Amino acid sequence: MAKITDAYQSKGRRPLVICDFSPPRGASLDFLEDARRLDADFISGNYNPGRVPRSDSAMTAHAIRQHTGREVLFTLAVRDMNPLALQSHLLGAATLGLENVLVLGGDPFPATHRPGAGAVGAMRPTELMQIVRGMNKGLDRRGRPLEGATDLCIGGAIDLSGSIEAAARLTHSKVQAGAHFFVTQPVFDPQRVKAFRTAYEDSVGGPLKAPVFYGLQVPRPGQVAFSPVPPPYQRQMESGRSGEDIAVEVWEGLRKKGVDSLYLVPPIGPRGTRDYDAAARVLRRVRA
């Protein structure tokens, strides 16, 4: 069992990699074979990607660690639970021995999903981070003592596809709320990393000290993309260049900007299917 921050401090010169992973859409344990193929430092049990029912992210992460020995984290979105349910979920995850949680807002439901589905509450990720920070001190949301404190390493998300200055300010708010590490949406332009670091330092008066795992998506024509794939890369894929080669090229550019930790996003196909074999091949090339 390892916290992400501890692993980052002891990683040496090798890149530390978190791999994005979708829980199964059923009760079968067949998904464990996919997890075994991923030589990532941490596998991230996602929270209902695609806004469809999937196995619970924390339980999926626990099963991966129990059956494969991989280190894990789980994501938790504020969209679908009220504060009481979120705290209970976190206590259950801590009881299972999980140590790393990535706090997200959760993608909003499209209008076509309403009124049958919708967000439960209006809590912001920073508010949940503050709650987890209190639980780590042995207190619930209302300041009442718990029977035992949690010891969770708190992660936050950064989106660099829009305003860099706004992303820097929001990141600092999450640091103040208790975030220990960050992951970003996929980055295709390494210059965005430099711009973000500069904007953060200009805004706060010092560098971001928390580890940041910059997103590296393995692109594929027609796939679901967490961030827009630049037109030059789209044209290259249409001409036959593999998304794996593009991902490795992006990694080389990120590495030259001093990036030493990655959040790897496997190709996403129809109905949320993932190509973990492609992710495993990119992992091997990153390790090399």
C-alpha atoms as a PDB file:
ATOM      1  CA  MET A   1       0.000   0.000   0.000  1.00  0.00           C
ATOM      2  CA  ALA A   2       1.401   3.392  -0.967  1.00  0.00           C
ATOM      3  CA  LYS A   3       0.347   6.993  -1.068  1.00  0.00           C
ATOM      4  CA  ILE A   4       0.927   8.758  -4.351  1.00  0.00           C
ATOM      5  CA  THR A   5       2.906  11.541  -2.684  1.00  0.00           C
ATOM      6  CA  ASP A   6       5.240   9.027  -0.996  1.00  0.00           C
ATOM      7  CA  ALA A   7       5.769   7.176  -4.275  1.00  0.00           C
ATOM      8  CA  TYR A   8       6.558  10.448  -6.015  1.00  0.00           C
ATOM      9  CA  GLN A   9       9.152  11.407  -3.428  1.00  0.00           C
ATOM     10  CA  SER A  10      10.934   8.062  -3.775  1.00  0.00           C
ATOM     11  CA  LYS A  11      10.611   7.503  -7.530  1.00  0.00           C
ATOM     12  CA  GLY A  12      14.120   8.592  -8.512  1.00  0.00           C
ATOM     13  CA  ARG A  13      14.600   9.534 -12.165  1.00  0.00           C
ATOM     14  CA  ARG A  14      12.002   7.200 -13.659  1.00  0.00           C
ATOM     15  CA  PRO A  15       8.626   8.680 -14.656  1.00  0.00           C
ATOM     16  CA  LEU A  16       5.776   7.874 -12.294  1.00  0.00           C
ATOM     17  CA  VAL A  17       2.634   6.815 -14.151  1.00  0.00           C
ATOM     18  CA  ILE A  18      -1.041   6.685 -13.186  1.00  0.00           C
ATOM     19  CA  CYS A  19      -3.186   4.823 -15.727  1.00  0.00           C
ATOM     20  CA  ASP A  20      -6.847   5.688 -16.168  1.00  0.00           C
ATOM     21  CA  PHE A  21      -9.094   2.609 -15.852  1.00  0.00           C
ATOM     22  CA  SER A  22     -12.833   2.097 -16.348  1.00  0.00           C
ATOM     23  CA  PRO A  23     -14.687  -0.149 -13.877  1.00  0.00           C
ATOM     24  CA  PRO A  24     -16.779  -2.904 -15.454  1.00  0.00           C
ATOM     25  CA  ARG A  25     -20.413  -2.548 -16.511  1.00  0.00           C
ATOM     26  CA  GLY A  26     -21.260  -5.771 -14.697  1.00  0.00           C
ATOM     27  CA  ALA A  27     -20.308  -8.037 -11.824  1.00  0.00           C
ATOM     28  CA  SER A  28     -17.686 -10.120 -13.649  1.00  0.00           C
ATOM     29  CA  LEU A  29     -14.046 -10.047 -12.523  1.00  0.00           C
ATOM     30  CA  ASP A  30     -12.785 -10.414 -16.090  1.00  0.00           C
ATOM     31  CA  PHE A  31     -11.602  -6.798 -15.997  1.00  0.00           C
ATOM     32  CA  LEU A  32      -8.729  -7.884 -13.752  1.00  0.00           C
ATOM     33  CA  GLU A  33      -6.930  -9.309 -16.796  1.00  0.00           C
ATOM     34  CA  ASP A  34      -6.818  -5.805 -18.263  1.00  0.00           C
ATOM     35  CA  ALA A  35      -5.390  -4.442 -15.027  1.00  0.00           C
ATOM     36  CA  ARG A  36      -2.692  -7.116 -14.924  1.00  0.00           C
ATOM     37  CA  ARG A  37      -1.398  -6.011 -18.339  1.00  0.00           C
ATOM     38  CA  LEU A  38      -0.798  -2.434 -17.200  1.00  0.00           C
ATOM     39  CA  ASP A  39       2.654  -1.896 -15.740  1.00  0.00           C
ATOM     40  CA  ALA A  40       1.639   1.447 -14.251  1.00  0.00           C
ATOM     41  CA  ASP A  41       2.703   2.643 -10.826  1.00  0.00           C
ATOM     42  CA  PHE A  42      -0.951   3.310  -9.968  1.00  0.00           C
ATOM     43  CA  ILE A  43      -4.212   2.272 -11.620  1.00  0.00           C
ATOM     44  CA  SER A  44      -7.035   4.763 -11.215  1.00  0.00           C
ATOM     45  CA  GLY A  45     -10.504   3.302 -10.709  1.00  0.00           C
ATOM     46  CA  ASN A  46     -12.708   5.790 -12.526  1.00  0.00           C
ATOM     47  CA  TYR A  47     -16.065   7.025 -11.282  1.00  0.00           C
ATOM     48  CA  ASN A  48     -18.921   6.110 -13.672  1.00  0.00           C
ATOM     49  CA  PRO A  49     -17.217   7.273 -16.894  1.00  0.00           C
ATOM     50  CA  GLY A  50     -19.724   8.018 -19.610  1.00  0.00           C
ATOM     51  CA  ARG A  51     -22.383   8.749 -16.962  1.00  0.00           C
ATOM     52  CA  VAL A  52     -23.533   5.112 -16.992  1.00  0.00           C
ATOM     53  CA  PRO A  53     -23.723   2.625 -14.097  1.00  0.00           C
ATOM     54  CA  ARG A  54     -20.454   0.849 -13.420  1.00  0.00           C
ATOM     55  CA  SER A  55     -18.892  -0.981 -10.522  1.00  0.00           C
ATOM     56  CA  ASP A  56     -18.087   1.376  -7.655  1.00  0.00           C
ATOM     57  CA  SER A  57     -14.727   3.086  -8.163  1.00  0.00           C
ATOM     58  CA  ALA A  58     -13.394   2.343  -4.685  1.00  0.00           C
ATOM     59  CA  MET A  59     -14.484  -1.295  -4.762  1.00  0.00           C
ATOM     60  CA  THR A  60     -12.969  -1.694  -8.220  1.00  0.00           C
ATOM     61  CA  ALA A  61      -9.688  -0.212  -7.006  1.00  0.00           C
ATOM     62  CA  HIS A  62      -9.720  -2.530  -3.998  1.00  0.00           C
ATOM     63  CA  ALA A  63     -10.330  -5.582  -6.206  1.00  0.00           C
ATOM     64  CA  ILE A  64      -7.469  -4.582  -8.514  1.00  0.00           C
ATOM     65  CA  ARG A  65      -5.056  -4.244  -5.631  1.00  0.00           C
ATOM     66  CA  GLN A  66      -6.257  -7.407  -3.896  1.00  0.00           C
ATOM     67  CA  HIS A  67      -6.067  -9.620  -6.995  1.00  0.00           C
ATOM     68  CA  THR A  68      -3.151  -8.105  -8.938  1.00  0.00           C
ATOM     69  CA  GLY A  69      -0.969  -6.395  -6.338  1.00  0.00           C
ATOM     70  CA  ARG A  70      -1.057  -3.108  -8.287  1.00  0.00           C
ATOM     71  CA  GLU A  71      -1.150   0.159  -6.380  1.00  0.00           C
ATOM     72  CA  VAL A  72      -4.387   2.067  -6.901  1.00  0.00           C
ATOM     73  CA  LEU A  73      -6.421   5.184  -6.403  1.00  0.00           C
ATOM     74  CA  PHE A  74     -10.134   5.776  -6.796  1.00  0.00           C
ATOM     75  CA  THR A  75     -12.027   8.767  -8.107  1.00  0.00           C
ATOM     76  CA  LEU A  76     -15.046  10.282  -6.426  1.00  0.00           C
ATOM     77  CA  ALA A  77     -17.378  12.850  -8.011  1.00  0.00           C
ATOM     78  CA  VAL A  78     -19.484  15.243  -5.977  1.00  0.00           C
ATOM     79  CA  ARG A  79     -22.214  15.140  -8.653  1.00  0.00           C
ATOM     80  CA  ASP A  80     -24.100  12.044  -7.519  1.00  0.00           C
ATOM     81  CA  MET A  81     -24.043  12.009  -3.708  1.00  0.00           C
ATOM     82  CA  ASN A  82     -24.967  14.299  -0.860  1.00  0.00           C
ATOM     83  CA  PRO A  83     -22.411  15.108   1.889  1.00  0.00           C
ATOM     84  CA  LEU A  84     -23.583  12.283   4.157  1.00  0.00           C
ATOM     85  CA  ALA A  85     -23.227   9.665   1.412  1.00  0.00           C
ATOM     86  CA  LEU A  86     -19.832  11.031   0.360  1.00  0.00           C
ATOM     87  CA  GLN A  87     -18.494  10.784   3.908  1.00  0.00           C
ATOM     88  CA  SER A  88     -19.815   7.245   4.304  1.00  0.00           C
ATOM     89  CA  HIS A  89     -18.229   6.289   0.993  1.00  0.00           C
ATOM     90  CA  LEU A  90     -14.876   7.691   2.087  1.00  0.00           C
ATOM     91  CA  LEU A  91     -15.021   5.896   5.434  1.00  0.00           C
ATOM     92  CA  GLY A  92     -15.775   2.642   3.628  1.00  0.00           C
ATOM     93  CA  ALA A  93     -12.839   3.158   1.265  1.00  0.00           C
ATOM     94  CA  ALA A  94     -10.532   3.855   4.192  1.00  0.00           C
ATOM     95  CA  THR A  95     -11.803   0.688   5.901  1.00  0.00           C
ATOM     96  CA  LEU A  96     -10.741  -1.253   2.792  1.00  0.00           C
ATOM     97  CA  GLY A  97      -7.260   0.201   3.198  1.00  0.00           C
ATOM     98  CA  LEU A  98      -7.422   2.556   0.222  1.00  0.00           C
ATOM     99  CA  GLU A  99      -5.156   5.565   0.587  1.00  0.00           C
ATOM    100  CA  ASN A 100      -5.558   7.704  -2.551  1.00  0.00           C
ATOM    101  CA  VAL A 101      -8.683   9.532  -3.711  1.00  0.00           C
ATOM    102  CA  LEU A 102      -9.066  11.820  -6.717  1.00  0.00           C
ATOM    103  CA  VAL A 103     -11.865  14.336  -6.116  1.00  0.00           C
ATOM    104  CA  LEU A 104     -13.804  15.479  -9.194  1.00  0.00           C
ATOM    105  CA  GLY A 105     -16.876  17.499  -9.972  1.00  0.00           C
ATOM    106  CA  GLY A 106     -18.248  14.982 -12.475  1.00  0.00           C
ATOM    107  CA  ASP A 107     -19.405  15.736 -16.004  1.00  0.00           C
ATOM    108  CA  PRO A 108     -22.839  17.411 -16.078  1.00  0.00           C
ATOM    109  CA  PHE A 109     -25.761  15.447 -17.440  1.00  0.00           C
ATOM    110  CA  PRO A 110     -26.952  16.526 -20.896  1.00  0.00           C
ATOM    111  CA  ALA A 111     -30.458  17.906 -21.219  1.00  0.00           C
ATOM    112  CA  THR A 112     -31.611  14.659 -22.834  1.00  0.00           C
ATOM    113  CA  HIS A 113     -31.037  12.851 -19.509  1.00  0.00           C
ATOM    114  CA  ARG A 114     -33.417  15.051 -17.567  1.00  0.00           C
ATOM    115  CA  PRO A 115     -35.697  14.803 -15.686  1.00  0.00           C
ATOM    116  CA  GLY A 116     -34.866  11.154 -15.057  1.00  0.00           C
ATOM    117  CA  ALA A 117     -31.296  11.930 -13.998  1.00  0.00           C
ATOM    118  CA  GLY A 118     -29.486  14.903 -12.608  1.00  0.00           C
ATOM    119  CA  ALA A 119     -26.918  16.081 -10.142  1.00  0.00           C
ATOM    120  CA  VAL A 120     -27.783  15.441  -6.498  1.00  0.00           C
ATOM    121  CA  GLY A 121     -26.229  18.579  -5.080  1.00  0.00           C
ATOM    122  CA  ALA A 122     -24.180  21.652  -5.785  1.00  0.00           C
ATOM    123  CA  MET A 123     -21.096  20.828  -3.716  1.00  0.00           C
ATOM    124  CA  ARG A 124     -17.816  21.889  -5.287  1.00  0.00           C
ATOM    125  CA  PRO A 125     -14.728  19.638  -5.370  1.00  0.00           C
ATOM    126  CA  THR A 126     -12.929  22.083  -3.053  1.00  0.00           C
ATOM    127  CA  GLU A 127     -15.675  21.588  -0.470  1.00  0.00           C
ATOM    128  CA  LEU A 128     -15.254  17.813  -0.555  1.00  0.00           C
ATOM    129  CA  MET A 129     -11.484  18.229  -0.256  1.00  0.00           C
ATOM    130  CA  GLN A 130     -12.050  20.271   2.889  1.00  0.00           C
ATOM    131  CA  ILE A 131     -14.279  17.515   4.250  1.00  0.00           C
ATOM    132  CA  VAL A 132     -11.626  14.869   3.571  1.00  0.00           C
ATOM    133  CA  ARG A 133      -9.000  17.049   5.210  1.00  0.00           C
ATOM    134  CA  GLY A 134     -11.218  17.221   8.302  1.00  0.00           C
ATOM    135  CA  MET A 135     -11.798  13.471   8.266  1.00  0.00           C
ATOM    136  CA  ASN A 136      -8.025  12.996   8.175  1.00  0.00           C
ATOM    137  CA  LYS A 137      -8.025  14.929  11.454  1.00  0.00           C
ATOM    138  CA  GLY A 138     -10.750  12.709  12.891  1.00  0.00           C
ATOM    139  CA  LEU A 139     -13.707  15.035  12.371  1.00  0.00           C
ATOM    140  CA  ASP A 140     -16.837  14.727  10.247  1.00  0.00           C
ATOM    141  CA  ARG A 141     -18.277  17.547   8.167  1.00  0.00           C
ATOM    142  CA  ARG A 142     -20.030  19.070  11.189  1.00  0.00           C
ATOM    143  CA  GLY A 143     -16.909  18.949  13.339  1.00  0.00           C
ATOM    144  CA  ARG A 144     -17.981  15.945  15.399  1.00  0.00           C
ATOM    145  CA  PRO A 145     -15.303  13.377  16.254  1.00  0.00           C
ATOM    146  CA  LEU A 146     -15.078  10.159  14.284  1.00  0.00           C
ATOM    147  CA  GLU A 147     -14.197   6.884  15.961  1.00  0.00           C
ATOM    148  CA  GLY A 148     -11.041   6.793  13.887  1.00  0.00           C
ATOM    149  CA  ALA A 149      -9.425   9.294  11.525  1.00  0.00           C
ATOM    150  CA  THR A 150      -8.932   8.555   7.849  1.00  0.00           C
ATOM    151  CA  ASP A 151      -5.509   8.887   6.225  1.00  0.00           C
ATOM    152  CA  LEU A 152      -6.323   9.721   2.619  1.00  0.00           C
ATOM    153  CA  CYS A 153      -4.026  11.324   0.067  1.00  0.00           C
ATOM    154  CA  ILE A 154      -6.228  13.848  -1.766  1.00  0.00           C
ATOM    155  CA  GLY A 155      -5.997  14.506  -5.493  1.00  0.00           C
ATOM    156  CA  GLY A 156      -7.495  17.231  -7.648  1.00  0.00           C
ATOM    157  CA  ALA A 157      -7.982  17.767 -11.372  1.00  0.00           C
ATOM    158  CA  ILE A 158      -6.587  20.504 -13.616  1.00  0.00           C
ATOM    159  CA  ASP A 159      -7.967  21.396 -17.046  1.00  0.00           C
ATOM    160  CA  LEU A 160      -5.391  23.168 -19.213  1.00  0.00           C
ATOM    161  CA  SER A 161      -7.549  23.311 -22.344  1.00  0.00           C
ATOM    162  CA  GLY A 162      -9.033  26.706 -21.455  1.00  0.00           C
ATOM    163  CA  SER A 163      -7.719  29.760 -19.649  1.00  0.00           C
ATOM    164  CA  ILE A 164      -4.335  28.979 -18.135  1.00  0.00           C
ATOM    165  CA  GLU A 165      -4.689  31.815 -15.618  1.00  0.00           C
ATOM    166  CA  ALA A 166      -8.072  30.528 -14.439  1.00  0.00           C
ATOM    167  CA  ALA A 167      -6.652  27.005 -14.136  1.00  0.00           C
ATOM    168  CA  ALA A 168      -3.789  28.343 -12.014  1.00  0.00           C
ATOM    169  CA  ARG A 169      -6.151  30.172  -9.654  1.00  0.00           C
ATOM    170  CA  LEU A 170      -8.437  27.146  -9.280  1.00  0.00           C
ATOM    171  CA  THR A 171      -5.447  24.883  -8.641  1.00  0.00           C
ATOM    172  CA  HIS A 172      -4.311  27.147  -5.817  1.00  0.00           C
ATOM    173  CA  SER A 173      -7.824  27.030  -4.329  1.00  0.00           C
ATOM    174  CA  LYS A 174      -7.604  23.241  -4.328  1.00  0.00           C
ATOM    175  CA  VAL A 175      -4.186  23.355  -2.647  1.00  0.00           C
ATOM    176  CA  GLN A 176      -5.699  25.533   0.063  1.00  0.00           C
ATOM    177  CA  ALA A 177      -8.609  23.091   0.375  1.00  0.00           C
ATOM    178  CA  GLY A 178      -6.234  20.199   1.049  1.00  0.00           C
ATOM    179  CA  ALA A 179      -5.151  18.686  -2.296  1.00  0.00           C
ATOM    180  CA  HIS A 180      -1.880  16.745  -2.124  1.00  0.00           C
ATOM    181  CA  PHE A 181      -1.467  15.900  -5.830  1.00  0.00           C
ATOM    182  CA  PHE A 182      -3.027  16.709  -9.202  1.00  0.00           C
ATOM    183  CA  VAL A 183      -3.822  15.110 -12.543  1.00  0.00           C
ATOM    184  CA  THR A 184      -4.519  17.089 -15.703  1.00  0.00           C
ATOM    185  CA  GLN A 185      -6.690  16.523 -18.710  1.00  0.00           C
ATOM    186  CA  PRO A 186      -4.603  15.319 -21.681  1.00  0.00           C
ATOM    187  CA  VAL A 187      -2.013  17.824 -22.871  1.00  0.00           C
ATOM    188  CA  PHE A 188      -0.878  17.774 -26.504  1.00  0.00           C
ATOM    189  CA  ASP A 189       1.122  21.027 -26.469  1.00  0.00           C
ATOM    190  CA  PRO A 190       4.063  20.975 -24.013  1.00  0.00           C
ATOM    191  CA  GLN A 191       4.093  24.774 -24.072  1.00  0.00           C
ATOM    192  CA  ARG A 192       0.864  24.670 -22.048  1.00  0.00           C
ATOM    193  CA  VAL A 193       2.817  23.085 -19.206  1.00  0.00           C
ATOM    194  CA  LYS A 194       5.323  25.914 -19.143  1.00  0.00           C
ATOM    195  CA  ALA A 195       2.552  28.512 -19.369  1.00  0.00           C
ATOM    196  CA  PHE A 196       0.648  26.908 -16.488  1.00  0.00           C
ATOM    197  CA  ARG A 197       3.677  26.788 -14.242  1.00  0.00           C
ATOM    198  CA  THR A 198       4.452  30.428 -14.969  1.00  0.00           C
ATOM    199  CA  ALA A 199       0.837  31.494 -14.391  1.00  0.00           C
ATOM    200  CA  TYR A 200       0.697  29.612 -11.084  1.00  0.00           C
ATOM    201  CA  GLU A 201       3.923  31.156  -9.830  1.00  0.00           C
ATOM    202  CA  ASP A 202       2.840  34.639 -10.920  1.00  0.00           C
ATOM    203  CA  SER A 203      -0.544  34.209  -9.216  1.00  0.00           C
ATOM    204  CA  VAL A 204       0.649  32.652  -5.959  1.00  0.00           C
ATOM    205  CA  GLY A 205       4.160  34.022  -5.649  1.00  0.00           C
ATOM    206  CA  GLY A 206       5.832  30.604  -5.693  1.00  0.00           C
ATOM    207  CA  PRO A 207       5.880  27.299  -7.584  1.00  0.00           C
ATOM    208  CA  LEU A 208       3.288  24.561  -7.207  1.00  0.00           C
ATOM    209  CA  LYS A 209       4.866  22.084  -4.815  1.00  0.00           C
ATOM    210  CA  ALA A 210       2.288  19.299  -5.158  1.00  0.00           C
ATOM    211  CA  PRO A 211       3.084  16.592  -7.745  1.00  0.00           C
ATOM    212  CA  VAL A 212       1.273  17.046 -11.056  1.00  0.00           C
ATOM    213  CA  PHE A 213       0.562  14.056 -13.312  1.00  0.00           C
ATOM    214  CA  TYR A 214       0.156  15.534 -16.778  1.00  0.00           C
ATOM    215  CA  GLY A 215      -2.403  13.849 -18.999  1.00  0.00           C
ATOM    216  CA  LEU A 216      -1.146  11.764 -21.924  1.00  0.00           C
ATOM    217  CA  GLN A 217      -3.927  10.393 -24.113  1.00  0.00           C
ATOM    218  CA  VAL A 218      -3.338   7.688 -26.700  1.00  0.00           C
ATOM    219  CA  PRO A 219      -5.393   9.194 -29.542  1.00  0.00           C
ATOM    220  CA  ARG A 220      -7.319   7.298 -32.160  1.00  0.00           C
ATOM    221  CA  PRO A 221      -9.520   8.501 -35.053  1.00  0.00           C
ATOM    222  CA  GLY A 222     -13.143   8.828 -34.039  1.00  0.00           C
ATOM    223  CA  GLN A 223     -12.495   8.020 -30.377  1.00  0.00           C
ATOM    224  CA  VAL A 224     -13.774   9.804 -27.302  1.00  0.00           C
ATOM    225  CA  ALA A 225     -11.185  12.454 -26.431  1.00  0.00           C
ATOM    226  CA  PHE A 226     -10.830  14.082 -23.015  1.00  0.00           C
ATOM    227  CA  SER A 227      -9.130  17.059 -24.694  1.00  0.00           C
ATOM    228  CA  PRO A 228      -9.272  18.256 -28.314  1.00  0.00           C
ATOM    229  CA  VAL A 229      -6.713  16.494 -30.504  1.00  0.00           C
ATOM    230  CA  PRO A 230      -4.839  19.174 -32.514  1.00  0.00           C
ATOM    231  CA  PRO A 231      -5.649  19.131 -36.265  1.00  0.00           C
ATOM    232  CA  PRO A 232      -2.052  18.251 -37.281  1.00  0.00           C
ATOM    233  CA  TYR A 233      -2.224  15.070 -35.216  1.00  0.00           C
ATOM    234  CA  GLN A 234      -5.690  14.290 -36.579  1.00  0.00           C
ATOM    235  CA  ARG A 235      -4.375  14.554 -40.133  1.00  0.00           C
ATOM    236  CA  GLN A 236      -1.391  12.362 -39.286  1.00  0.00           C
ATOM    237  CA  MET A 237      -3.705   9.644 -37.933  1.00  0.00           C
ATOM    238  CA  GLU A 238      -5.890   9.893 -41.030  1.00  0.00           C
ATOM    239  CA  SER A 239      -2.711   9.330 -43.055  1.00  0.00           C
ATOM    240  CA  GLY A 240      -1.959   6.164 -41.137  1.00  0.00           C
ATOM    241  CA  ARG A 241       0.251   7.274 -38.251  1.00  0.00           C
ATOM    242  CA  SER A 242      -0.537   5.397 -35.055  1.00  0.00           C
ATOM    243  CA  GLY A 243      -1.861   7.136 -31.967  1.00  0.00           C
ATOM    244  CA  GLU A 244       0.786   5.305 -29.971  1.00  0.00           C
ATOM    245  CA  ASP A 245       3.550   7.038 -31.927  1.00  0.00           C
ATOM    246  CA  ILE A 246       1.840  10.386 -31.377  1.00  0.00           C
ATOM    247  CA  ALA A 247       1.511   9.733 -27.645  1.00  0.00           C
ATOM    248  CA  VAL A 248       5.216   8.895 -27.360  1.00  0.00           C
ATOM    249  CA  GLU A 249       6.101  12.045 -29.326  1.00  0.00           C
ATOM    250  CA  VAL A 250       3.972  14.135 -26.957  1.00  0.00           C
ATOM    251  CA  TRP A 251       5.652  12.444 -24.003  1.00  0.00           C
ATOM    252  CA  GLU A 252       9.089  13.352 -25.349  1.00  0.00           C
ATOM    253  CA  GLY A 253       7.993  16.968 -25.612  1.00  0.00           C
ATOM    254  CA  LEU A 254       6.596  16.932 -22.083  1.00  0.00           C
ATOM    255  CA  ARG A 255       9.766  15.335 -20.758  1.00  0.00           C
ATOM    256  CA  LYS A 256      11.841  18.156 -22.241  1.00  0.00           C
ATOM    257  CA  LYS A 257       9.708  20.584 -20.212  1.00  0.00           C
ATOM    258  CA  GLY A 258      10.641  18.757 -17.028  1.00  0.00           C
ATOM    259  CA  VAL A 259       7.526  16.586 -16.726  1.00  0.00           C
ATOM    260  CA  ASP A 260       8.344  13.488 -14.680  1.00  0.00           C
ATOM    261  CA  SER A 261       4.884  12.061 -13.967  1.00  0.00           C
ATOM    262  CA  LEU A 262       2.033  11.093 -16.290  1.00  0.00           C
ATOM    263  CA  TYR A 263      -1.677  10.378 -16.210  1.00  0.00           C
ATOM    264  CA  LEU A 264      -2.059   7.916 -19.074  1.00  0.00           C
ATOM    265  CA  VAL A 265      -5.449   7.712 -20.825  1.00  0.00           C
ATOM    266  CA  PRO A 266      -5.924   4.583 -22.986  1.00  0.00           C
ATOM    267  CA  PRO A 267      -7.837   4.852 -26.282  1.00  0.00           C
ATOM    268  CA  ILE A 268     -11.597   5.034 -25.715  1.00  0.00           C
ATOM    269  CA  GLY A 269     -13.815   3.355 -28.265  1.00  0.00           C
ATOM    270  CA  PRO A 270     -17.567   2.856 -28.763  1.00  0.00           C
ATOM    271  CA  ARG A 271     -19.622   2.437 -25.566  1.00  0.00           C
ATOM    272  CA  GLY A 272     -16.600   3.322 -23.447  1.00  0.00           C
ATOM    273  CA  THR A 273     -14.470   0.324 -24.414  1.00  0.00           C
ATOM    274  CA  ARG A 274     -10.761   0.767 -23.688  1.00  0.00           C
ATOM    275  CA  ASP A 275      -7.705  -0.482 -25.545  1.00  0.00           C
ATOM    276  CA  TYR A 276      -5.468  -1.372 -22.612  1.00  0.00           C
ATOM    277  CA  ASP A 277      -3.060  -3.241 -24.884  1.00  0.00           C
ATOM    278  CA  ALA A 278      -2.261   0.041 -26.648  1.00  0.00           C
ATOM    279  CA  ALA A 279      -1.776   1.714 -23.267  1.00  0.00           C
ATOM    280  CA  ALA A 280       0.552  -1.093 -22.176  1.00  0.00           C
ATOM    281  CA  ARG A 281       2.665  -0.655 -25.317  1.00  0.00           C
ATOM    282  CA  VAL A 282       2.935   3.103 -24.735  1.00  0.00           C
ATOM    283  CA  LEU A 283       3.882   2.413 -21.117  1.00  0.00           C
ATOM    284  CA  ARG A 284       6.739   0.183 -22.218  1.00  0.00           C
ATOM    285  CA  ARG A 285       8.039   2.870 -24.563  1.00  0.00           C
ATOM    286  CA  VAL A 286       7.751   5.539 -21.870  1.00  0.00           C
ATOM    287  CA  ARG A 287       9.667   3.312 -19.472  1.00  0.00           C
ATOM    288  CA  ALA A 288      12.377   2.816 -22.089  1.00  0.00           C
END
